[in-house]
Structure formats: C-alpha cells, structure tokens
C-alpha cells in the first residue's frame, strides 16, 4: 500500500496541531475561516500571510500545501506567479475555487493531501513551496516524507516557506505555554460551537447542551494532550536543504525560510 493511500485511510488521526479540536468547525464554515483563525492566533495568522507573500518569488511556479479557504492564494496570484494548491477538505476547496475564479487561470486547486505529492508533481517543478499550519498535523514520519518531497519538487535555489506552531525550548516554558494556551483554545472552541446556535429552536438548544456539549468537552479533553507543535525542525531537513531565516510571531508561531541548495548533494 502506498504511503499516500495509508494517509487517506487514517485521515481522521492526522489532525494533531494545537487547534485540532477546532479545525473541523473551521473547515465546515469556510467563509469564517480567516476571521476565526485570526481570533485564535490573536492576529498572527494574517501577519504570517503577509510575510509569506513578501518572501515568495515575484514570478515562477508556486505550490501551496493546505490552501484552506484560499485567502493566501488571492494574495499570491499577483504578478507573474502561477500557483498550484492542495487541500484535503472538500468544503475548503469549493470555497477557495470560487474565491479565485476571476484570476484568469493563474491558480489551480486540487482536493489532494500533502502525501500525494510523489504522484502529482515532477522533480524540480516549483520555484517555491508554501506550507502554512500543515506540518503540525503530520506525524514525525510524515513530516520527514513531505520534507523530502519538497526538496524533490523544488528547483535548485528554490525555497520552502513553512509557517507553523513550534514548541518553546525548555520544559518550564513548554509547560507555561501549554497552561496558557489550552484554556484559551478550549473556551474558543465552545464559543465557536455556541455561535452556531443563532435563533435556534428550544429542542435544538436542549439537544446541544444535553448531547453535543458533553461530547465537545470530552473531545477537547482527549485531543489537547495529543497535539504536536513542531520542535527544532531544522534538524529534520534532508540533505540538500538549509534553513536561511527564522521569523517568530505572536504566541508560538514561526515562519521558516528553507532553501534547496543550488547543487543537490544527494
């Protein structure tokens, strides 16, 4: 069985970023995704998008892994860029396609996962690969595989722009970060669910608090210990790739700029 096939079969097990409990809610409401992510990250999500656009090459072919609602695609499609994007959520792909419909074919969006790149793209096809809040959803082995594929599909001198949540250094800072973030994400999760109850019927409200709310609480309790913020990803880079810049944002979010060396040593 191919690696990508195993990923598709176990897709539900792969949502392990800090916002794992929330992503199902966000993806079911693409029109609110940007606003909710900015709320969750205290505005850092939008600033990361701005930094990615500034660092992306002004022309050439770009691949975005996990394009979400297409907000970044709209900003990337300017200039002489051509963008190919992947996302596994059907709702997100449909919304993103509508969002970029007027961009004269400069953006192509496929409902695919990151672990299908080996059969989707040719070697040295892209000038830049972008992965925003994607790697923390992957297991350690999957991260290694995707990094290797990114090196394969990048042209020599091309860059991987990787934005994600990173675990603080040291057990004390890591514990403090978890204790601060977990309640905020938990309360945000509850608020986002309750917001869906606008002008509900009595029976719908009763069903929510008797059935859905307890399941939500249980889901949050079970999911929070399973999250995997990244840590020292530069050590995982395959031969032929090097970290050239690391930018920190509010909270534990960081943007890494990783280059494929002009002379491939593998």
Protein backbone atom coordinates (compact mmCIF):
# COMPACT_ATOMS: atom_id res chain seq x y z
CA UNK A 1 0.00 0.00 0.00
CA UNK A 2 1.36 3.40 -0.97
CA UNK A 3 2.17 5.98 1.69
CA UNK A 4 -0.49 8.37 0.42
CA UNK A 5 -3.11 5.61 0.49
CA UNK A 6 -2.34 4.89 4.13
CA UNK A 7 -2.68 8.60 4.90
CA UNK A 8 -6.10 8.76 3.24
CA UNK A 9 -7.26 5.68 5.14
CA UNK A 10 -6.23 7.17 8.51
CA UNK A 11 -7.02 10.79 7.69
CA UNK A 12 -9.02 11.37 10.86
CA UNK A 13 -5.98 10.53 13.00
CA UNK A 14 -3.79 13.22 11.46
CA UNK A 15 -5.38 16.39 12.94
CA UNK A 16 -2.87 16.88 15.75
CA UNK A 17 -1.98 20.57 15.74
CA UNK A 18 -2.83 22.78 18.73
CA UNK A 19 -6.14 23.72 17.11
CA UNK A 20 -7.03 20.11 16.30
CA UNK A 21 -10.41 20.25 18.02
CA UNK A 22 -11.30 23.47 16.19
CA UNK A 23 -10.29 22.60 12.65
CA UNK A 24 -13.40 20.54 11.92
CA UNK A 25 -15.53 23.53 12.88
CA UNK A 26 -13.45 25.96 10.82
CA UNK A 27 -13.43 23.76 7.72
CA UNK A 28 -17.19 23.34 7.83
CA UNK A 29 -17.57 27.14 7.69
CA UNK A 30 -15.01 28.36 5.10
CA UNK A 31 -16.44 31.88 4.95
CA UNK A 32 -15.48 32.37 8.61
CA UNK A 33 -12.13 30.57 8.48
CA UNK A 34 -9.87 33.62 8.21
CA UNK A 35 -11.70 35.51 10.94
CA UNK A 36 -11.70 32.54 13.30
CA UNK A 37 -8.01 31.76 12.71
CA UNK A 38 -7.06 35.39 13.36
CA UNK A 39 -9.09 35.26 16.56
CA UNK A 40 -7.41 32.04 17.61
CA UNK A 41 -3.89 33.36 16.87
CA UNK A 42 -4.54 36.95 18.05
CA UNK A 43 -3.94 38.34 14.56
CA UNK A 44 -0.74 36.41 13.84
CA UNK A 45 -2.38 34.35 11.08
CA UNK A 46 -2.87 37.40 8.84
CA UNK A 47 0.63 38.72 9.56
CA UNK A 48 2.15 35.38 8.60
CA UNK A 49 0.31 35.51 5.28
CA UNK A 50 1.79 38.96 4.67
CA UNK A 51 5.29 37.72 5.45
CA UNK A 52 4.88 34.72 3.13
CA UNK A 53 3.75 36.93 0.24
CA UNK A 54 6.76 39.20 0.82
CA UNK A 55 9.21 36.28 0.78
CA UNK A 56 7.66 34.36 -2.14
CA UNK A 57 9.32 34.91 -5.54
CA UNK A 58 7.65 37.57 -7.66
CA UNK A 59 7.44 35.20 -10.62
CA UNK A 60 7.54 31.48 -11.31
CA UNK A 61 5.53 28.46 -10.19
CA UNK A 62 4.45 28.07 -6.57
CA UNK A 63 2.88 25.12 -4.74
CA UNK A 64 0.77 25.77 -1.64
CA UNK A 65 0.12 22.73 0.56
CA UNK A 66 -3.07 23.10 2.60
CA UNK A 67 -4.53 26.22 0.98
CA UNK A 68 -7.61 26.36 3.24
CA UNK A 69 -10.13 28.99 2.17
CA UNK A 70 -7.82 30.46 -0.48
CA UNK A 71 -7.05 33.74 1.31
CA UNK A 72 -3.31 33.37 0.73
CA UNK A 73 -3.86 32.22 -2.86
CA UNK A 74 -5.55 35.51 -3.75
CA UNK A 75 -2.51 37.44 -2.49
CA UNK A 76 -0.01 35.11 -4.16
CA UNK A 77 -1.66 35.23 -7.59
CA UNK A 78 -0.44 38.75 -8.32
CA UNK A 79 2.50 39.50 -10.57
CA UNK A 80 3.84 36.73 -12.79
CA UNK A 81 3.21 33.85 -10.41
CA UNK A 82 1.32 30.66 -11.20
CA UNK A 83 0.06 28.81 -8.14
CA UNK A 84 -0.93 25.16 -7.69
CA UNK A 85 -2.69 24.43 -4.38
CA UNK A 86 -3.74 21.34 -2.45
CA UNK A 87 -6.23 20.83 0.38
CA UNK A 88 -7.96 17.73 1.71
CA UNK A 89 -11.20 19.48 2.78
CA UNK A 90 -13.97 19.41 0.19
CA UNK A 91 -15.66 22.47 1.72
CA UNK A 92 -12.43 24.46 1.67
CA UNK A 93 -11.57 23.52 -1.90
CA UNK A 94 -15.01 24.53 -3.18
CA UNK A 95 -14.85 27.87 -1.34
CA UNK A 96 -11.28 28.58 -2.48
CA UNK A 97 -12.14 27.85 -6.12
CA UNK A 98 -14.97 30.40 -6.00
CA UNK A 99 -12.60 32.89 -4.40
CA UNK A 100 -10.01 32.68 -7.18
CA UNK A 101 -12.47 32.26 -10.06
CA UNK A 102 -11.59 35.64 -11.58
CA UNK A 103 -7.81 35.19 -11.63
CA UNK A 104 -7.56 34.08 -15.27
CA UNK A 105 -6.37 30.56 -14.59
CA UNK A 106 -3.31 31.62 -12.59
CA UNK A 107 -4.43 29.40 -9.70
CA UNK A 108 -5.19 25.68 -9.81
CA UNK A 109 -6.70 23.95 -6.76
CA UNK A 110 -6.92 20.18 -6.25
CA UNK A 111 -8.54 18.22 -3.45
CA UNK A 112 -5.44 16.25 -2.51
CA UNK A 113 -3.28 15.61 0.55
CA UNK A 114 0.34 16.52 1.13
CA UNK A 115 1.24 12.84 0.95
CA UNK A 116 0.22 12.54 -2.68
CA UNK A 117 2.92 14.87 -3.99
CA UNK A 118 5.02 11.98 -5.25
CA UNK A 119 2.43 11.17 -7.92
CA UNK A 120 1.26 14.72 -8.60
CA UNK A 121 4.42 16.72 -9.31
CA UNK A 122 7.60 16.30 -11.29
CA UNK A 123 11.10 16.84 -9.94
CA UNK A 124 12.29 20.48 -9.90
CA UNK A 125 8.83 21.73 -10.92
CA UNK A 126 8.42 24.63 -8.47
CA UNK A 127 10.27 27.79 -7.55
CA UNK A 128 8.63 27.89 -4.11
CA UNK A 129 6.60 25.58 -1.85
CA UNK A 130 4.40 27.00 0.91
CA UNK A 131 3.03 25.09 3.91
CA UNK A 132 1.07 27.17 6.43
CA UNK A 133 -0.17 25.34 9.54
CA UNK A 134 0.26 21.96 7.87
CA UNK A 135 3.30 20.18 9.33
CA UNK A 136 1.92 20.08 12.87
CA UNK A 137 -0.93 17.94 11.53
CA UNK A 138 1.55 15.27 10.42
CA UNK A 139 3.31 12.52 12.31
CA UNK A 140 7.11 12.62 12.56
CA UNK A 141 7.49 10.09 9.72
CA UNK A 142 5.06 12.04 7.54
CA UNK A 143 6.99 15.26 8.17
CA UNK A 144 10.20 13.56 7.01
CA UNK A 145 8.45 12.26 3.88
CA UNK A 146 6.90 15.63 2.97
CA UNK A 147 10.20 17.46 3.53
CA UNK A 148 11.92 15.02 1.19
CA UNK A 149 9.19 15.54 -1.41
CA UNK A 150 9.50 19.31 -1.07
CA UNK A 151 13.20 19.01 -1.84
CA UNK A 152 12.42 16.84 -4.87
CA UNK A 153 9.81 19.16 -6.42
CA UNK A 154 11.77 22.38 -5.76
CA UNK A 155 14.14 23.78 -8.34
CA UNK A 156 17.74 24.30 -7.19
CA UNK A 157 17.78 27.58 -5.27
CA UNK A 158 14.03 27.34 -4.65
CA UNK A 159 12.54 27.95 -1.19
CA UNK A 160 10.18 26.21 1.20
CA UNK A 161 8.20 28.71 3.31
CA UNK A 162 6.96 26.78 6.32
CA UNK A 163 4.75 28.50 8.91
CA UNK A 164 3.53 26.62 11.95
CA UNK A 165 3.30 26.35 15.70
CA UNK A 166 6.54 25.49 17.47
CA UNK A 167 7.11 24.11 20.94
CA UNK A 168 9.02 26.51 23.23
CA UNK A 169 12.52 25.49 24.32
CA UNK A 170 12.84 24.06 27.83
CA UNK A 171 10.31 22.14 29.90
CA UNK A 172 9.36 25.17 32.02
CA UNK A 173 8.45 27.41 29.05
CA UNK A 174 6.74 24.48 27.35
CA UNK A 175 4.59 23.84 30.45
CA UNK A 176 3.74 27.54 30.87
CA UNK A 177 2.80 27.78 27.20
CA UNK A 178 0.51 24.76 27.39
CA UNK A 179 -1.17 26.01 30.58
CA UNK A 180 -1.83 29.40 28.97
CA UNK A 181 -2.92 28.19 25.55
CA UNK A 182 -5.05 25.19 26.45
CA UNK A 183 -7.81 27.13 28.32
CA UNK A 184 -7.93 29.81 25.60
CA UNK A 185 -8.34 27.25 22.83
CA UNK A 186 -10.85 25.28 24.87
CA UNK A 187 -13.04 28.34 25.54
CA UNK A 188 -12.73 29.48 21.93
CA UNK A 189 -13.88 26.05 20.81
CA UNK A 190 -17.00 26.27 22.99
CA UNK A 191 -17.75 29.82 21.83
CA UNK A 192 -17.48 28.87 18.15
CA UNK A 193 -19.88 25.98 18.62
CA UNK A 194 -22.39 28.06 20.57
CA UNK A 195 -22.29 30.74 17.86
CA UNK A 196 -23.84 28.21 15.51
CA UNK A 197 -26.99 28.27 17.67
CA UNK A 198 -28.23 31.62 16.34
CA UNK A 199 -32.03 31.78 16.75
CA UNK A 200 -32.35 28.02 17.41
CA UNK A 201 -35.49 26.22 18.43
CA UNK A 202 -35.97 25.12 22.04
CA UNK A 203 -35.42 21.46 21.15
CA UNK A 204 -32.28 22.25 19.15
CA UNK A 205 -30.85 24.18 22.10
CA UNK A 206 -31.75 21.39 24.50
CA UNK A 207 -30.12 18.80 22.22
CA UNK A 208 -26.98 20.92 22.02
CA UNK A 209 -26.50 21.23 25.78
CA UNK A 210 -27.53 17.65 26.60
CA UNK A 211 -25.75 15.79 23.77
CA UNK A 212 -23.34 17.95 21.75
CA UNK A 213 -21.81 19.98 24.59
CA UNK A 214 -20.75 16.93 26.67
CA UNK A 215 -19.25 15.33 23.56
CA UNK A 216 -17.43 18.58 22.79
CA UNK A 217 -15.97 18.71 26.30
CA UNK A 218 -14.85 15.10 26.06
CA UNK A 219 -13.31 15.73 22.63
CA UNK A 220 -11.35 18.70 23.92
CA UNK A 221 -10.07 16.82 26.97
CA UNK A 222 -8.96 13.87 24.85
CA UNK A 223 -7.48 15.91 21.98
CA UNK A 224 -5.42 18.52 23.81
CA UNK A 225 -2.76 16.07 25.09
CA UNK A 226 -2.33 14.72 21.56
CA UNK A 227 -1.27 17.98 19.89
CA UNK A 228 2.21 18.12 18.34
CA UNK A 229 3.71 21.59 17.96
CA UNK A 230 6.94 21.38 15.99
CA UNK A 231 10.36 21.46 17.64
CA UNK A 232 13.75 22.15 16.07
CA UNK A 233 12.56 21.23 12.59
CA UNK A 234 15.87 22.36 11.10
CA UNK A 235 17.43 19.11 12.33
CA UNK A 236 14.95 17.13 10.24
CA UNK A 237 15.84 18.81 6.96
CA UNK A 238 17.02 16.35 4.29
CA UNK A 239 20.45 16.66 2.73
CA UNK A 240 20.43 19.43 0.16
CA UNK A 241 18.17 21.81 2.13
CA UNK A 242 19.23 24.51 4.59
CA UNK A 243 17.46 26.94 6.91
CA UNK A 244 18.25 30.54 5.90
CA UNK A 245 15.84 32.55 8.06
CA UNK A 246 13.51 32.02 11.01
CA UNK A 247 10.87 34.62 11.98
CA UNK A 248 8.85 34.48 15.20
CA UNK A 249 5.31 35.77 15.58
CA UNK A 250 2.89 36.19 18.46
CA UNK A 251 2.48 33.10 20.58
CA UNK A 252 4.44 30.08 19.35
CA UNK A 253 4.03 30.68 15.62
CA UNK A 254 7.12 30.84 13.42
CA UNK A 255 7.92 31.16 9.72
CA UNK A 256 10.91 29.24 8.38
CA UNK A 257 12.53 30.06 5.05
CA UNK A 258 14.31 26.93 3.81
CA UNK A 259 16.34 26.80 0.60
CA UNK A 260 17.16 23.91 -1.67
CA UNK A 261 20.87 24.20 -2.41
CA UNK A 262 21.78 25.05 -5.98
CA UNK A 263 23.96 21.94 -6.14
CA UNK A 264 21.99 18.92 -4.97
CA UNK A 265 24.22 16.68 -2.88
CA UNK A 266 22.01 13.60 -2.87
